[in-house]
Amino acid sequence: MMIVDSNTWADFFNGTETPYVQRLDIALDREEDLGVVPIIITEVLQGFRSDTSFRRARQVLVSLPIIHPTVECHVRAATMFR
């Protein structure tokens, strides 16, 4: 399962072209296995100024499986990052 960070989602919804957004586009087109962590939903949605954009992003984000990582998941993520 792929979890996309809030910066990439923000770029996606703002129409910014980055390699990460391109990868997200591919994942969405192919209906790959995506998930979202609740804090990412908060971070992304709080950046919207218009209600229409907020609702569109909310619909996309809450349609994904919600992942509730354990502390061990966070440790593994830090290890992968390092």
C-alpha atoms as a PDB file:
ATOM      1  CA  MET A   1       0.000   0.000   0.000  1.00  0.00           C
ATOM      2  CA  MET A   2       1.250   3.463  -0.857  1.00  0.00           C
ATOM      3  CA  ILE A   3       0.775   6.361   1.545  1.00  0.00           C
ATOM      4  CA  VAL A   4       1.260   9.788  -0.027  1.00  0.00           C
ATOM      5  CA  ASP A   5       2.561  12.681   2.048  1.00  0.00           C
ATOM      6  CA  SER A   6       0.651  15.920   2.543  1.00  0.00           C
ATOM      7  CA  ASN A   7       3.016  17.993   0.365  1.00  0.00           C
ATOM      8  CA  THR A   8       2.393  15.727  -2.611  1.00  0.00           C
ATOM      9  CA  TRP A   9      -1.372  15.840  -2.087  1.00  0.00           C
ATOM     10  CA  ALA A  10      -1.223  19.638  -1.830  1.00  0.00           C
ATOM     11  CA  ASP A  11       0.760  19.818  -5.078  1.00  0.00           C
ATOM     12  CA  PHE A  12      -1.709  17.407  -6.696  1.00  0.00           C
ATOM     13  CA  PHE A  13      -4.751  19.488  -5.763  1.00  0.00           C
ATOM     14  CA  ASN A  14      -2.973  22.729  -6.727  1.00  0.00           C
ATOM     15  CA  GLY A  15      -2.057  21.337 -10.148  1.00  0.00           C
ATOM     16  CA  THR A  16       1.686  21.527  -9.517  1.00  0.00           C
ATOM     17  CA  GLU A  17       3.748  19.212 -11.728  1.00  0.00           C
ATOM     18  CA  THR A  18       6.337  17.230  -9.772  1.00  0.00           C
ATOM     19  CA  PRO A  19       7.691  13.684 -10.146  1.00  0.00           C
ATOM     20  CA  TYR A  20       5.740  12.764  -6.992  1.00  0.00           C
ATOM     21  CA  VAL A  21       2.486  14.133  -8.391  1.00  0.00           C
ATOM     22  CA  GLN A  22       3.114  12.268 -11.641  1.00  0.00           C
ATOM     23  CA  ARG A  23       3.549   9.048  -9.634  1.00  0.00           C
ATOM     24  CA  LEU A  24       0.343   9.784  -7.708  1.00  0.00           C
ATOM     25  CA  ASP A  25      -1.511  10.389 -10.998  1.00  0.00           C
ATOM     26  CA  ILE A  26      -0.337   7.001 -12.242  1.00  0.00           C
ATOM     27  CA  ALA A  27      -1.419   5.311  -9.005  1.00  0.00           C
ATOM     28  CA  LEU A  28      -4.858   6.919  -9.186  1.00  0.00           C
ATOM     29  CA  ASP A  29      -5.292   6.064 -12.888  1.00  0.00           C
ATOM     30  CA  ARG A  30      -4.306   2.449 -12.273  1.00  0.00           C
ATOM     31  CA  GLU A  31      -6.422   2.282  -9.112  1.00  0.00           C
ATOM     32  CA  GLU A  32      -3.381   1.145  -7.168  1.00  0.00           C
ATOM     33  CA  ASP A  33      -3.604   0.390  -3.473  1.00  0.00           C
ATOM     34  CA  LEU A  34      -3.464   3.836  -1.777  1.00  0.00           C
ATOM     35  CA  GLY A  35      -4.081   4.652   1.865  1.00  0.00           C
ATOM     36  CA  VAL A  36      -4.096   7.785   3.973  1.00  0.00           C
ATOM     37  CA  VAL A  37      -3.125   8.619   7.536  1.00  0.00           C
ATOM     38  CA  PRO A  38      -5.632  10.868   9.372  1.00  0.00           C
ATOM     39  CA  ILE A  39      -3.097  13.646  10.047  1.00  0.00           C
ATOM     40  CA  ILE A  40      -2.488  13.929   6.301  1.00  0.00           C
ATOM     41  CA  ILE A  41      -6.193  14.561   5.760  1.00  0.00           C
ATOM     42  CA  THR A  42      -6.025  17.367   8.334  1.00  0.00           C
ATOM     43  CA  GLU A  43      -2.882  18.923   6.873  1.00  0.00           C
ATOM     44  CA  VAL A  44      -4.167  18.865   3.307  1.00  0.00           C
ATOM     45  CA  LEU A  45      -7.706  20.059   3.972  1.00  0.00           C
ATOM     46  CA  GLN A  46      -6.702  22.961   6.207  1.00  0.00           C
ATOM     47  CA  GLY A  47      -4.916  24.556   3.246  1.00  0.00           C
ATOM     48  CA  PHE A  48      -8.028  25.072   1.111  1.00  0.00           C
ATOM     49  CA  ARG A  49      -9.597  28.495   0.899  1.00  0.00           C
ATOM     50  CA  SER A  50     -12.611  27.685  -1.275  1.00  0.00           C
ATOM     51  CA  ASP A  51     -15.407  25.420  -0.100  1.00  0.00           C
ATOM     52  CA  THR A  52     -15.631  23.762  -3.516  1.00  0.00           C
ATOM     53  CA  SER A  53     -11.961  22.756  -3.520  1.00  0.00           C
ATOM     54  CA  PHE A  54     -12.216  21.630   0.106  1.00  0.00           C
ATOM     55  CA  ARG A  55     -15.191  19.380  -0.690  1.00  0.00           C
ATOM     56  CA  ARG A  56     -13.504  17.896  -3.777  1.00  0.00           C
ATOM     57  CA  ALA A  57     -10.307  17.094  -1.866  1.00  0.00           C
ATOM     58  CA  ARG A  58     -12.285  15.737   1.097  1.00  0.00           C
ATOM     59  CA  GLN A  59     -14.172  13.394  -1.211  1.00  0.00           C
ATOM     60  CA  VAL A  60     -10.924  12.030  -2.663  1.00  0.00           C
ATOM     61  CA  LEU A  61      -9.087  11.668   0.641  1.00  0.00           C
ATOM     62  CA  VAL A  62     -11.856  10.080   2.721  1.00  0.00           C
ATOM     63  CA  SER A  63     -12.570   7.577  -0.053  1.00  0.00           C
ATOM     64  CA  LEU A  64      -9.160   5.996   0.592  1.00  0.00           C
ATOM     65  CA  PRO A  65      -8.551   3.380   3.271  1.00  0.00           C
ATOM     66  CA  ILE A  66      -7.575   5.064   6.545  1.00  0.00           C
ATOM     67  CA  ILE A  67      -4.330   3.743   8.019  1.00  0.00           C
ATOM     68  CA  HIS A  68      -3.775   3.923  11.773  1.00  0.00           C
ATOM     69  CA  PRO A  69      -0.040   3.310  12.135  1.00  0.00           C
ATOM     70  CA  THR A  70       1.458   1.899  15.284  1.00  0.00           C
ATOM     71  CA  VAL A  71       4.567   3.266  16.942  1.00  0.00           C
ATOM     72  CA  GLU A  72       6.519   0.460  15.275  1.00  0.00           C
ATOM     73  CA  CYS A  73       5.253   1.667  11.880  1.00  0.00           C
ATOM     74  CA  HIS A  74       6.650   5.121  12.650  1.00  0.00           C
ATOM     75  CA  VAL A  75       9.996   3.613  13.661  1.00  0.00           C
ATOM     76  CA  ARG A  76      10.137   1.608  10.414  1.00  0.00           C
ATOM     77  CA  ALA A  77       9.271   4.720   8.398  1.00  0.00           C
ATOM     78  CA  ALA A  78      12.094   6.638  10.066  1.00  0.00           C
ATOM     79  CA  THR A  79      14.454   3.747   9.359  1.00  0.00           C
ATOM     80  CA  MET A  80      13.435   3.685   5.690  1.00  0.00           C
ATOM     81  CA  PHE A  81      13.943   7.456   5.458  1.00  0.00           C
ATOM     82  CA  ARG A  82      17.421   7.215   6.957  1.00  0.00           C
END
